[in-house]
Protein backbone atom coordinates (compact mmCIF):
# COMPACT_ATOMS: atom_id res chain seq x y z
CA UNK A 1 36.16 39.70 -29.84
CA UNK A 2 33.17 37.93 -28.36
CA UNK A 3 29.65 39.02 -29.23
CA UNK A 4 27.14 39.52 -26.45
CA UNK A 5 23.35 39.42 -26.74
CA UNK A 6 22.67 41.53 -23.65
CA UNK A 7 24.19 44.31 -21.59
CA UNK A 8 24.30 41.91 -18.62
CA UNK A 9 26.39 39.40 -20.62
CA UNK A 10 28.75 42.19 -21.68
CA UNK A 11 29.23 43.40 -18.10
CA UNK A 12 29.71 39.84 -16.81
CA UNK A 13 32.58 39.39 -19.30
CA UNK A 14 34.53 42.37 -17.93
CA UNK A 15 37.35 42.19 -15.37
CA UNK A 16 36.25 42.74 -11.76
CA UNK A 17 37.32 46.41 -11.62
CA UNK A 18 35.40 47.28 -14.76
CA UNK A 19 32.38 45.35 -13.49
CA UNK A 20 32.45 47.58 -10.40
CA UNK A 21 32.53 50.69 -12.57
CA UNK A 22 29.61 49.38 -14.62
CA UNK A 23 27.77 48.47 -11.42
CA UNK A 24 27.82 52.11 -10.36
CA UNK A 25 27.33 53.64 -13.80
CA UNK A 26 24.58 51.55 -15.39
CA UNK A 27 21.88 52.25 -12.77
CA UNK A 28 22.39 55.99 -13.34
CA UNK A 29 22.09 55.58 -17.12
CA UNK A 30 19.12 53.21 -16.84
CA UNK A 31 17.33 55.63 -14.50
CA UNK A 32 17.39 58.17 -17.34
CA UNK A 33 17.04 55.97 -20.42
CA UNK A 34 15.74 52.56 -19.34
CA UNK A 35 17.37 49.36 -20.50
CA UNK A 36 20.21 49.56 -22.98
CA UNK A 37 20.93 47.22 -25.86
CA UNK A 38 24.04 45.95 -27.56
CA UNK A 39 25.09 48.01 -30.60
CA UNK A 40 28.44 47.60 -32.39
CA UNK A 41 29.64 45.31 -29.59
CA UNK A 42 28.93 47.49 -26.55
CA UNK A 43 25.95 48.85 -24.57
CA UNK A 44 24.09 51.79 -26.10
CA UNK A 45 20.96 53.70 -25.16
CA UNK A 46 18.81 55.20 -27.90
CA UNK A 47 15.98 57.70 -28.21
CA UNK A 48 13.70 57.33 -31.22
CA UNK A 49 16.18 54.94 -32.81
CA UNK A 50 19.06 57.40 -32.49
CA UNK A 51 22.05 56.36 -30.36
CA UNK A 52 22.53 58.80 -27.48
CA UNK A 53 24.69 57.18 -24.77
CA UNK A 54 27.38 54.50 -24.84
CA UNK A 55 29.42 52.51 -22.38
CA UNK A 56 32.49 50.71 -23.72
CA UNK A 57 35.26 48.95 -21.83
CA UNK A 58 38.88 49.21 -22.91
CA UNK A 59 41.98 47.66 -21.36
CA UNK A 60 42.44 50.13 -18.51
CA UNK A 61 39.17 52.08 -18.35
CA UNK A 62 35.48 52.24 -19.22
CA UNK A 63 34.31 54.96 -21.58
CA UNK A 64 31.02 56.71 -20.84
CA UNK A 65 30.11 58.72 -23.91
CA UNK A 66 27.48 60.71 -25.75
CA UNK A 67 26.88 61.01 -29.49
CA UNK A 68 26.03 64.72 -29.08
CA UNK A 69 28.27 65.20 -26.07
CA UNK A 70 29.92 68.36 -27.33
CA UNK A 71 26.49 70.02 -27.22
CA UNK A 72 25.73 68.98 -23.63
CA UNK A 73 27.66 71.74 -21.90
CA UNK A 74 30.03 70.53 -19.21
CA UNK A 75 31.22 73.02 -16.61
CA UNK A 76 33.21 70.26 -14.87
CA UNK A 77 35.59 69.89 -17.80
CA UNK A 78 35.48 66.09 -17.53
CA UNK A 79 33.86 65.42 -20.92
CA UNK A 80 36.51 65.16 -23.63
CA UNK A 81 35.58 66.04 -27.20
CA UNK A 82 35.77 63.26 -29.75
CA UNK A 83 34.91 62.87 -33.44
CA UNK A 84 32.05 64.89 -34.87
CA UNK A 85 29.79 65.86 -31.94
CA UNK A 86 30.82 63.03 -29.62
CA UNK A 87 32.27 63.51 -26.15
CA UNK A 88 33.16 61.05 -23.41
CA UNK A 89 34.83 60.52 -20.07
CA UNK A 90 37.24 57.70 -19.19
CA UNK A 91 36.40 55.96 -15.92
CA UNK A 92 39.42 54.26 -14.35
CA UNK A 93 37.80 53.30 -11.03
CA UNK A 94 34.35 53.16 -9.42
CA UNK A 95 35.21 56.42 -7.62
CA UNK A 96 35.26 58.16 -11.02
CA UNK A 97 31.49 57.64 -11.32
CA UNK A 98 29.89 60.93 -10.24
CA UNK A 99 26.18 60.07 -10.25
CA UNK A 100 24.99 63.64 -9.72
CA UNK A 101 27.17 65.07 -12.50
CA UNK A 102 26.30 62.23 -14.85
CA UNK A 103 22.55 62.65 -14.22
CA UNK A 104 22.86 66.23 -15.43
CA UNK A 105 24.66 65.11 -18.58
CA UNK A 106 22.02 62.44 -19.20
CA UNK A 107 19.17 64.93 -18.76
CA UNK A 108 20.77 67.33 -21.22
CA UNK A 109 21.49 64.52 -23.69
CA UNK A 110 17.84 63.46 -23.56
CA UNK A 111 16.71 67.06 -24.09
CA UNK A 112 18.84 67.28 -27.25
CA UNK A 113 16.76 64.45 -28.70
CA UNK A 114 13.57 66.48 -28.21
């Protein structure tokens, strides 16, 4: 697996469909958290040194996840619980990016960090 110094390099390495997903998703995340950084091979956004949000591409989808995602509260039912407190959503196409819904998640994730 290649290592990338920047989020832009990571996104540029993705297949076209995943680049489109990232192109819709990243501006929403960056609006809430500013610029992300590479952490464990994928883009992550931190607050006070604590990882809060992640974006990670897999073969058929892009994961948009939260370290404390199970505490966010998701009436839509789209966030799937993961290990510990994590939760994420799998984005298979650019149409899966719901900016309004995701902004709410991001606001609540930031609030959890105090």
